[in-house]
C-alpha cells in the first residue's frame, strides 16, 4: 500500500513537502486500518534537507530524473494513454 503525494514545482522542494506526507500517514493508516509506504513524487528535484528528512522517515523520493528514466524505458504515445483510459472507463460500467 502506497501513500503517494505528487508535487509540481519549478524549483527544488524543501522540507515542507516531506512534512505533509509525514503528518498524513497516521491519518490514512487509522482511516483504512493498514500500513502505508510513503512516496513523494515531483517534476522537479528535492533539496538536501528534504532528502535527509525522507531518509529519516523512510519516504521514497521520485524526482524528475526518475520520471525521465521511466519515459525513456517505457515510451508511451497518446493512443496508448487513450486506450488505457477507455479500458478504465469501461471497467466501471
PDB file of N, CA and C in Angstrom:
ATOM      1  N   UNK A   1       0.849  -1.183   0.000  1.00  0.00           N
ATOM      2  CA  UNK A   1       0.000   0.000   0.000  1.00  0.00           C
ATOM      3  C   UNK A   1       0.887   1.236   0.000  1.00  0.00           C
ATOM      4  N   UNK A   2       0.658   2.095  -0.958  1.00  0.00           N
ATOM      5  CA  UNK A   2       1.427   3.329  -1.071  1.00  0.00           C
ATOM      6  C   UNK A   2       0.559   4.525  -0.704  1.00  0.00           C
ATOM      7  N   UNK A   3       1.137   5.465   0.003  1.00  0.00           N
ATOM      8  CA  UNK A   3       0.534   6.772   0.193  1.00  0.00           C
ATOM      9  C   UNK A   3       1.391   7.717  -0.634  1.00  0.00           C
ATOM     10  N   UNK A   4       0.825   8.214  -1.725  1.00  0.00           N
ATOM     11  CA  UNK A   4       1.591   8.990  -2.697  1.00  0.00           C
ATOM     12  C   UNK A   4       1.159  10.449  -2.644  1.00  0.00           C
ATOM     13  N   UNK A   5       2.147  11.318  -2.592  1.00  0.00           N
ATOM     14  CA  UNK A   5       1.913  12.751  -2.708  1.00  0.00           C
ATOM     15  C   UNK A   5       2.685  13.228  -3.932  1.00  0.00           C
ATOM     16  N   UNK A   6       2.008  13.976  -4.789  1.00  0.00           N
ATOM     17  CA  UNK A   6       2.629  14.487  -6.013  1.00  0.00           C
ATOM     18  C   UNK A   6       2.711  16.001  -5.909  1.00  0.00           C
ATOM     19  N   UNK A   7       3.893  16.531  -6.200  1.00  0.00           N
ATOM     20  CA  UNK A   7       4.122  17.974  -6.130  1.00  0.00           C
ATOM     21  C   UNK A   7       4.694  18.462  -7.455  1.00  0.00           C
ATOM     22  N   UNK A   8       4.059  19.473  -8.020  1.00  0.00           N
ATOM     23  CA  UNK A   8       4.579  20.125  -9.213  1.00  0.00           C
ATOM     24  C   UNK A   8       5.286  21.395  -8.766  1.00  0.00           C
ATOM     25  N   UNK A   9       6.508  21.590  -9.271  1.00  0.00           N
ATOM     26  CA  UNK A   9       7.265  22.754  -8.827  1.00  0.00           C
ATOM     27  C   UNK A   9       8.268  23.172  -9.892  1.00  0.00           C
ATOM     28  N   UNK A  10       8.562  24.451  -9.905  1.00  0.00           N
ATOM     29  CA  UNK A  10       9.591  24.987 -10.783  1.00  0.00           C
ATOM     30  C   UNK A  10      10.937  25.095 -10.095  1.00  0.00           C
ATOM     31  N   UNK A  11      10.959  24.772  -8.797  1.00  0.00           N
ATOM     32  CA  UNK A  11      12.209  24.831  -8.047  1.00  0.00           C
ATOM     33  C   UNK A  11      12.325  23.593  -7.161  1.00  0.00           C
ATOM     34  N   UNK A  12      13.480  23.414  -6.534  1.00  0.00           N
ATOM     35  CA  UNK A  12      13.689  22.257  -5.663  1.00  0.00           C
ATOM     36  C   UNK A  12      12.722  22.293  -4.488  1.00  0.00           C
ATOM     37  N   UNK A  13      12.233  21.111  -4.128  1.00  0.00           N
ATOM     38  CA  UNK A  13      11.318  21.008  -2.997  1.00  0.00           C
ATOM     39  C   UNK A  13      12.105  20.875  -1.701  1.00  0.00           C
ATOM     40  N   UNK A  14      11.583  21.518  -0.672  1.00  0.00           N
ATOM     41  CA  UNK A  14      12.247  21.503   0.623  1.00  0.00           C
ATOM     42  C   UNK A  14      11.542  20.625   1.635  1.00  0.00           C
ATOM     43  N   UNK A  15      11.770  20.931   2.880  1.00  0.00           N
ATOM     44  CA  UNK A  15      11.302  20.105   3.995  1.00  0.00           C
ATOM     45  C   UNK A  15       9.777  20.042   4.077  1.00  0.00           C
ATOM     46  N   UNK A  16       9.087  21.088   3.655  1.00  0.00           N
ATOM     47  CA  UNK A  16       7.621  21.111   3.751  1.00  0.00           C
ATOM     48  C   UNK A  16       6.973  19.961   2.997  1.00  0.00           C
ATOM     49  N   UNK A  17       7.536  19.601   1.855  1.00  0.00           N
ATOM     50  CA  UNK A  17       6.943  18.525   1.065  1.00  0.00           C
ATOM     51  C   UNK A  17       6.960  17.210   1.840  1.00  0.00           C
ATOM     52  N   UNK A  18       8.031  16.936   2.526  1.00  0.00           N
ATOM     53  CA  UNK A  18       8.127  15.717   3.320  1.00  0.00           C
ATOM     54  C   UNK A  18       7.279  15.757   4.570  1.00  0.00           C
ATOM     55  N   UNK A  19       7.183  16.919   5.174  1.00  0.00           N
ATOM     56  CA  UNK A  19       6.401  17.045   6.399  1.00  0.00           C
ATOM     57  C   UNK A  19       4.921  16.763   6.151  1.00  0.00           C
ATOM     58  N   UNK A  20       4.417  17.184   5.009  1.00  0.00           N
ATOM     59  CA  UNK A  20       2.999  16.981   4.707  1.00  0.00           C
ATOM     60  C   UNK A  20       2.634  15.500   4.698  1.00  0.00           C
ATOM     61  N   UNK A  21       3.454  14.689   4.057  1.00  0.00           N
ATOM     62  CA  UNK A  21       3.139  13.261   3.973  1.00  0.00           C
ATOM     63  C   UNK A  21       3.369  12.580   5.326  1.00  0.00           C
ATOM     64  N   UNK A  22       4.323  13.060   6.106  1.00  0.00           N
ATOM     65  CA  UNK A  22       4.557  12.513   7.453  1.00  0.00           C
ATOM     66  C   UNK A  22       3.317  12.740   8.320  1.00  0.00           C
ATOM     67  N   UNK A  23       2.726  13.931   8.238  1.00  0.00           N
ATOM     68  CA  UNK A  23       1.532  14.236   9.025  1.00  0.00           C
ATOM     69  C   UNK A  23       0.322  13.445   8.542  1.00  0.00           C
ATOM     70  N   UNK A  24       0.238  13.190   7.247  1.00  0.00           N
ATOM     71  CA  UNK A  24      -0.919  12.486   6.683  1.00  0.00           C
ATOM     72  C   UNK A  24      -0.876  10.984   6.942  1.00  0.00           C
ATOM     73  N   UNK A  25       0.308  10.430   7.047  1.00  0.00           N
ATOM     74  CA  UNK A  25       0.472   8.981   7.167  1.00  0.00           C
ATOM     75  C   UNK A  25      -0.351   8.352   8.302  1.00  0.00           C
ATOM     76  N   UNK A  26      -0.280   8.859   9.529  1.00  0.00           N
ATOM     77  CA  UNK A  26      -1.079   8.238  10.605  1.00  0.00           C
ATOM     78  C   UNK A  26      -2.588   8.333  10.364  1.00  0.00           C
ATOM     79  N   UNK A  27      -3.019   9.429   9.770  1.00  0.00           N
ATOM     80  CA  UNK A  27      -4.451   9.602   9.495  1.00  0.00           C
ATOM     81  C   UNK A  27      -4.956   8.549   8.516  1.00  0.00           C
ATOM     82  N   UNK A  28      -4.209   8.339   7.430  1.00  0.00           N
ATOM     83  CA  UNK A  28      -4.616   7.341   6.440  1.00  0.00           C
ATOM     84  C   UNK A  28      -4.500   5.931   6.999  1.00  0.00           C
ATOM     85  N   UNK A  29      -3.466   5.670   7.774  1.00  0.00           N
ATOM     86  CA  UNK A  29      -3.307   4.353   8.384  1.00  0.00           C
ATOM     87  C   UNK A  29      -4.486   4.033   9.305  1.00  0.00           C
ATOM     88  N   UNK A  30      -4.886   5.012  10.087  1.00  0.00           N
ATOM     89  CA  UNK A  30      -6.018   4.824  11.006  1.00  0.00           C
ATOM     90  C   UNK A  30      -7.330   4.676  10.223  1.00  0.00           C
ATOM     91  N   UNK A  31      -7.525   5.534   9.242  1.00  0.00           N
ATOM     92  CA  UNK A  31      -8.775   5.523   8.479  1.00  0.00           C
ATOM     93  C   UNK A  31      -8.984   4.206   7.741  1.00  0.00           C
ATOM     94  N   UNK A  32      -7.914   3.660   7.140  1.00  0.00           N
ATOM     95  CA  UNK A  32      -8.042   2.448   6.324  1.00  0.00           C
ATOM     96  C   UNK A  32      -7.521   1.198   7.024  1.00  0.00           C
ATOM     97  N   UNK A  33      -7.069   1.348   8.267  1.00  0.00           N
ATOM     98  CA  UNK A  33      -6.583   0.227   9.069  1.00  0.00           C
ATOM     99  C   UNK A  33      -5.524  -0.599   8.338  1.00  0.00           C
ATOM    100  N   UNK A  34      -4.549   0.090   7.773  1.00  0.00           N
ATOM    101  CA  UNK A  34      -3.421  -0.562   7.110  1.00  0.00           C
ATOM    102  C   UNK A  34      -2.177   0.309   7.200  1.00  0.00           C
ATOM    103  N   UNK A  35      -1.072  -0.328   6.889  1.00  0.00           N
ATOM    104  CA  UNK A  35       0.207   0.361   6.893  1.00  0.00           C
ATOM    105  C   UNK A  35       0.512   0.824   5.474  1.00  0.00           C
ATOM    106  N   UNK A  36       0.939   2.066   5.339  1.00  0.00           N
ATOM    107  CA  UNK A  36       1.264   2.635   4.037  1.00  0.00           C
ATOM    108  C   UNK A  36       2.751   2.958   3.950  1.00  0.00           C
ATOM    109  N   UNK A  37       3.295   2.798   2.764  1.00  0.00           N
ATOM    110  CA  UNK A  37       4.666   3.228   2.476  1.00  0.00           C
ATOM    111  C   UNK A  37       4.565   4.595   1.817  1.00  0.00           C
ATOM    112  N   UNK A  38       5.145   5.622   2.413  1.00  0.00           N
ATOM    113  CA  UNK A  38       5.038   6.967   1.841  1.00  0.00           C
ATOM    114  C   UNK A  38       5.943   7.151   0.619  1.00  0.00           C
ATOM    115  N   UNK A  39       5.408   7.832  -0.369  1.00  0.00           N
ATOM    116  CA  UNK A  39       6.142   8.093  -1.599  1.00  0.00           C
ATOM    117  C   UNK A  39       5.837   9.531  -2.029  1.00  0.00           C
ATOM    118  N   UNK A  40       6.875  10.267  -2.345  1.00  0.00           N
ATOM    119  CA  UNK A  40       6.740  11.662  -2.748  1.00  0.00           C
ATOM    120  C   UNK A  40       7.313  11.807  -4.151  1.00  0.00           C
ATOM    121  N   UNK A  41       6.506  12.327  -5.058  1.00  0.00           N
ATOM    122  CA  UNK A  41       6.880  12.431  -6.470  1.00  0.00           C
ATOM    123  C   UNK A  41       6.827  13.894  -6.894  1.00  0.00           C
ATOM    124  N   UNK A  42       7.834  14.320  -7.675  1.00  0.00           N
ATOM    125  CA  UNK A  42       7.840  15.687  -8.193  1.00  0.00           C
ATOM    126  C   UNK A  42       8.402  15.737  -9.605  1.00  0.00           C
ATOM    127  N   UNK A  43       7.983  16.757 -10.333  1.00  0.00           N
ATOM    128  CA  UNK A  43       8.543  17.019 -11.655  1.00  0.00           C
ATOM    129  C   UNK A  43       9.857  17.796 -11.534  1.00  0.00           C
ATOM    130  N   UNK A  44      10.236  18.120 -10.320  1.00  0.00           N
ATOM    131  CA  UNK A  44      11.444  18.890 -10.041  1.00  0.00           C
ATOM    132  C   UNK A  44      12.450  18.001  -9.306  1.00  0.00           C
ATOM    133  N   UNK A  45      13.125  18.562  -8.320  1.00  0.00           N
ATOM    134  CA  UNK A  45      14.118  17.845  -7.528  1.00  0.00           C
ATOM    135  C   UNK A  45      13.900  18.177  -6.052  1.00  0.00           C
ATOM    136  N   UNK A  46      14.583  17.459  -5.178  1.00  0.00           N
ATOM    137  CA  UNK A  46      14.490  17.681  -3.737  1.00  0.00           C
ATOM    138  C   UNK A  46      15.795  18.287  -3.234  1.00  0.00           C
ATOM    139  N   UNK A  47      15.684  19.237  -2.307  1.00  0.00           N
ATOM    140  CA  UNK A  47      16.905  19.808  -1.753  1.00  0.00           C
ATOM    141  C   UNK A  47      17.473  18.853  -0.696  1.00  0.00           C
ATOM    142  N   UNK A  48      18.715  19.070  -0.247  1.00  0.00           N
ATOM    143  CA  UNK A  48      19.350  18.138   0.706  1.00  0.00           C
ATOM    144  C   UNK A  48      18.583  17.956   2.009  1.00  0.00           C
ATOM    145  N   UNK A  49      17.912  18.989   2.484  1.00  0.00           N
ATOM    146  CA  UNK A  49      17.145  18.870   3.727  1.00  0.00           C
ATOM    147  C   UNK A  49      15.958  17.926   3.529  1.00  0.00           C
ATOM    148  N   UNK A  50      15.278  18.035   2.390  1.00  0.00           N
ATOM    149  CA  UNK A  50      14.162  17.134   2.095  1.00  0.00           C
ATOM    150  C   UNK A  50      14.642  15.694   1.954  1.00  0.00           C
ATOM    151  N   UNK A  51      15.798  15.510   1.332  1.00  0.00           N
ATOM    152  CA  UNK A  51      16.363  14.168   1.168  1.00  0.00           C
ATOM    153  C   UNK A  51      16.678  13.560   2.533  1.00  0.00           C
ATOM    154  N   UNK A  52      17.253  14.342   3.421  1.00  0.00           N
ATOM    155  CA  UNK A  52      17.583  13.844   4.763  1.00  0.00           C
ATOM    156  C   UNK A  52      16.320  13.482   5.548  1.00  0.00           C
ATOM    157  N   UNK A  53      15.300  14.329   5.476  1.00  0.00           N
ATOM    158  CA  UNK A  53      14.034  14.053   6.154  1.00  0.00           C
ATOM    159  C   UNK A  53      13.418  12.756   5.613  1.00  0.00           C
ATOM    160  N   UNK A  54      13.478  12.578   4.310  1.00  0.00           N
ATOM    161  CA  UNK A  54      12.930  11.361   3.689  1.00  0.00           C
ATOM    162  C   UNK A  54      13.661  10.120   4.189  1.00  0.00           C
ATOM    163  N   UNK A  55      14.973  10.209   4.318  1.00  0.00           N
ATOM    164  CA  UNK A  55      15.746   9.074   4.839  1.00  0.00           C
ATOM    165  C   UNK A  55      15.325   8.740   6.273  1.00  0.00           C
ATOM    166  N   UNK A  56      15.144   9.766   7.089  1.00  0.00           N
ATOM    167  CA  UNK A  56      14.781   9.564   8.492  1.00  0.00           C
ATOM    168  C   UNK A  56      13.411   8.908   8.653  1.00  0.00           C
ATOM    169  N   UNK A  57      12.508   9.179   7.689  1.00  0.00           N
ATOM    170  CA  UNK A  57      11.122   8.703   7.801  1.00  0.00           C
ATOM    171  C   UNK A  57      10.774   7.645   6.758  1.00  0.00           C
ATOM    172  N   UNK A  58      11.784   7.116   6.091  1.00  0.00           N
ATOM    173  CA  UNK A  58      11.587   6.049   5.111  1.00  0.00           C
ATOM    174  C   UNK A  58      10.578   6.436   4.019  1.00  0.00           C
ATOM    175  N   UNK A  59      10.729   7.649   3.507  1.00  0.00           N
ATOM    176  CA  UNK A  59       9.886   8.133   2.413  1.00  0.00           C
ATOM    177  C   UNK A  59      10.645   7.931   1.114  1.00  0.00           C
ATOM    178  N   UNK A  60      10.019   7.268   0.162  1.00  0.00           N
ATOM    179  CA  UNK A  60      10.649   7.096  -1.148  1.00  0.00           C
ATOM    180  C   UNK A  60      10.464   8.381  -1.950  1.00  0.00           C
ATOM    181  N   UNK A  61      11.560   8.910  -2.468  1.00  0.00           N
ATOM    182  CA  UNK A  61      11.520  10.122  -3.279  1.00  0.00           C
ATOM    183  C   UNK A  61      11.684   9.761  -4.754  1.00  0.00           C
ATOM    184  N   UNK A  62      10.820  10.332  -5.570  1.00  0.00           N
ATOM    185  CA  UNK A  62      10.904  10.153  -7.026  1.00  0.00           C
ATOM    186  C   UNK A  62      10.925  11.542  -7.628  1.00  0.00           C
ATOM    187  N   UNK A  63      12.011  11.847  -8.349  1.00  0.00           N
ATOM    188  CA  UNK A  63      12.159  13.191  -8.900  1.00  0.00           C
ATOM    189  C   UNK A  63      12.186  13.159 -10.432  1.00  0.00           C
ATOM    190  N   UNK A  64      12.455  14.304 -11.013  1.00  0.00           N
ATOM    191  CA  UNK A  64      12.454  14.481 -12.460  1.00  0.00           C
ATOM    192  C   UNK A  64      13.355  13.465 -13.165  1.00  0.00           C
ATOM    193  N   UNK A  65      14.506  13.206 -12.581  1.00  0.00           N
ATOM    194  CA  UNK A  65      15.456  12.273 -13.170  1.00  0.00           C
ATOM    195  C   UNK A  65      14.832  10.876 -13.288  1.00  0.00           C
ATOM    196  N   UNK A  66      14.135  10.434 -12.242  1.00  0.00           N
ATOM    197  CA  UNK A  66      13.469   9.133 -12.252  1.00  0.00           C
ATOM    198  C   UNK A  66      12.360   9.090 -13.304  1.00  0.00           C
ATOM    199  N   UNK A  67      11.576  10.145 -13.379  1.00  0.00           N
ATOM    200  CA  UNK A  67      10.476  10.200 -14.346  1.00  0.00           C
ATOM    201  C   UNK A  67      11.017  10.174 -15.770  1.00  0.00           C
ATOM    202  N   UNK A  68      12.082  10.932 -16.025  1.00  0.00           N
ATOM    203  CA  UNK A  68      12.690  10.920 -17.363  1.00  0.00           C
ATOM    204  C   UNK A  68      13.196   9.527 -17.729  1.00  0.00           C
ATOM    205  N   UNK A  69      13.774   8.831 -16.752  1.00  0.00           N
ATOM    206  CA  UNK A  69      14.262   7.467 -16.983  1.00  0.00           C
ATOM    207  C   UNK A  69      13.097   6.537 -17.334  1.00  0.00           C
ATOM    208  N   UNK A  70      11.982   6.666 -16.615  1.00  0.00           N
ATOM    209  CA  UNK A  70      10.806   5.840 -16.909  1.00  0.00           C
ATOM    210  C   UNK A  70      10.269   6.109 -18.310  1.00  0.00           C
ATOM    211  N   UNK A  71      10.240   7.384 -18.709  1.00  0.00           N
ATOM    212  CA  UNK A  71       9.725   7.743 -20.034  1.00  0.00           C
ATOM    213  C   UNK A  71      10.592   7.131 -21.131  1.00  0.00           C
ATOM    214  N   UNK A  72      11.905   7.144 -20.925  1.00  0.00           N
ATOM    215  CA  UNK A  72      12.812   6.526 -21.899  1.00  0.00           C
ATOM    216  C   UNK A  72      12.628   5.007 -21.928  1.00  0.00           C
ATOM    217  N   UNK A  73      12.493   4.417 -20.750  1.00  0.00           N
ATOM    218  CA  UNK A  73      12.403   2.965 -20.646  1.00  0.00           C
ATOM    219  C   UNK A  73      11.045   2.424 -21.104  1.00  0.00           C
ATOM    220  N   UNK A  74       9.985   3.170 -20.847  1.00  0.00           N
ATOM    221  CA  UNK A  74       8.626   2.746 -21.174  1.00  0.00           C
ATOM    222  C   UNK A  74       7.923   3.829 -21.988  1.00  0.00           C
ATOM    223  N   UNK A  75       8.334   4.014 -23.244  1.00  0.00           N
ATOM    224  CA  UNK A  75       7.739   5.094 -24.042  1.00  0.00           C
ATOM    225  C   UNK A  75       6.244   4.877 -24.270  1.00  0.00           C
ATOM    226  N   UNK A  76       5.512   5.974 -24.254  1.00  0.00           N
ATOM    227  CA  UNK A  76       4.068   5.964 -24.487  1.00  0.00           C
ATOM    228  C   UNK A  76       3.737   6.976 -25.564  1.00  0.00           C
ATOM    229  N   UNK A  77       2.652   6.726 -26.239  1.00  0.00           N
ATOM    230  CA  UNK A  77       2.126   7.756 -27.128  1.00  0.00           C
ATOM    231  C   UNK A  77       0.691   8.036 -26.712  1.00  0.00           C
ATOM    232  N   UNK A  78       0.090   9.038 -27.308  1.00  0.00           N
ATOM    233  CA  UNK A  78      -1.246   9.461 -26.883  1.00  0.00           C
ATOM    234  C   UNK A  78      -2.276   8.363 -27.104  1.00  0.00           C
ATOM    235  N   UNK A  79      -2.104   7.519 -28.128  1.00  0.00           N
ATOM    236  CA  UNK A  79      -3.037   6.409 -28.352  1.00  0.00           C
ATOM    237  C   UNK A  79      -2.987   5.406 -27.199  1.00  0.00           C
ATOM    238  N   UNK A  80      -1.787   5.129 -26.689  1.00  0.00           N
ATOM    239  CA  UNK A  80      -1.650   4.223 -25.536  1.00  0.00           C
ATOM    240  C   UNK A  80      -2.418   4.768 -24.328  1.00  0.00           C
ATOM    241  N   UNK A  81      -2.280   6.044 -24.100  1.00  0.00           N
ATOM    242  CA  UNK A  81      -2.950   6.680 -22.965  1.00  0.00           C
ATOM    243  C   UNK A  81      -4.461   6.654 -23.150  1.00  0.00           C
ATOM    244  N   UNK A  82      -4.930   6.997 -24.355  1.00  0.00           N
ATOM    245  CA  UNK A  82      -6.367   6.975 -24.639  1.00  0.00           C
ATOM    246  C   UNK A  82      -6.950   5.574 -24.461  1.00  0.00           C
ATOM    247  N   UNK A  83      -6.248   4.569 -24.948  1.00  0.00           N
ATOM    248  CA  UNK A  83      -6.741   3.191 -24.824  1.00  0.00           C
ATOM    249  C   UNK A  83      -6.824   2.756 -23.362  1.00  0.00           C
ATOM    250  N   UNK A  84      -5.820   3.122 -22.576  1.00  0.00           N
ATOM    251  CA  UNK A  84      -5.834   2.775 -21.152  1.00  0.00           C
ATOM    252  C   UNK A  84      -6.993   3.472 -20.448  1.00  0.00           C
ATOM    253  N   UNK A  85      -7.231   4.722 -20.789  1.00  0.00           N
ATOM    254  CA  UNK A  85      -8.340   5.466 -20.196  1.00  0.00           C
ATOM    255  C   UNK A  85      -9.672   4.821 -20.566  1.00  0.00           C
ATOM    256  N   UNK A  86      -9.839   4.425 -21.815  1.00  0.00           N
ATOM    257  CA  UNK A  86     -11.072   3.756 -22.251  1.00  0.00           C
ATOM    258  C   UNK A  86     -11.264   2.441 -21.494  1.00  0.00           C
ATOM    259  N   UNK A  87     -10.190   1.696 -21.293  1.00  0.00           N
ATOM    260  CA  UNK A  87     -10.266   0.444 -20.528  1.00  0.00           C
ATOM    261  C   UNK A  87     -10.733   0.702 -19.105  1.00  0.00           C
ATOM    262  N   UNK A  88     -10.192   1.740 -18.499  1.00  0.00           N
ATOM    263  CA  UNK A  88     -10.590   2.074 -17.117  1.00  0.00           C
ATOM    264  C   UNK A  88     -12.053   2.453 -17.049  1.00  0.00           C
ATOM    265  N   UNK A  89     -12.504   3.274 -17.993  1.00  0.00           N
ATOM    266  CA  UNK A  89     -13.890   3.731 -18.001  1.00  0.00           C
ATOM    267  C   UNK A  89     -14.830   2.558 -18.219  1.00  0.00           C
ATOM    268  N   UNK A  90     -14.492   1.672 -19.156  1.00  0.00           N
ATOM    269  CA  UNK A  90     -15.375   0.536 -19.438  1.00  0.00           C
ATOM    270  C   UNK A  90     -15.422  -0.434 -18.261  1.00  0.00           C
ATOM    271  N   UNK A  91     -14.397  -0.488 -17.443  1.00  0.00           N
ATOM    272  CA  UNK A  91     -14.417  -1.383 -16.284  1.00  0.00           C
ATOM    273  C   UNK A  91     -15.392  -0.917 -15.205  1.00  0.00           C
ATOM    274  N   UNK A  92     -15.797   0.345 -15.249  1.00  0.00           N
ATOM    275  CA  UNK A  92     -16.763   0.862 -14.273  1.00  0.00           C
ATOM    276  C   UNK A  92     -18.205   0.634 -14.711  1.00  0.00           C
ATOM    277  N   UNK A  93     -18.393   0.277 -15.958  1.00  0.00           N
ATOM    278  CA  UNK A  93     -19.763   0.077 -16.485  1.00  0.00           C
ATOM    279  C   UNK A  93     -20.261  -1.303 -16.246  1.00  0.00           C
TER     280      UNK A  93
END
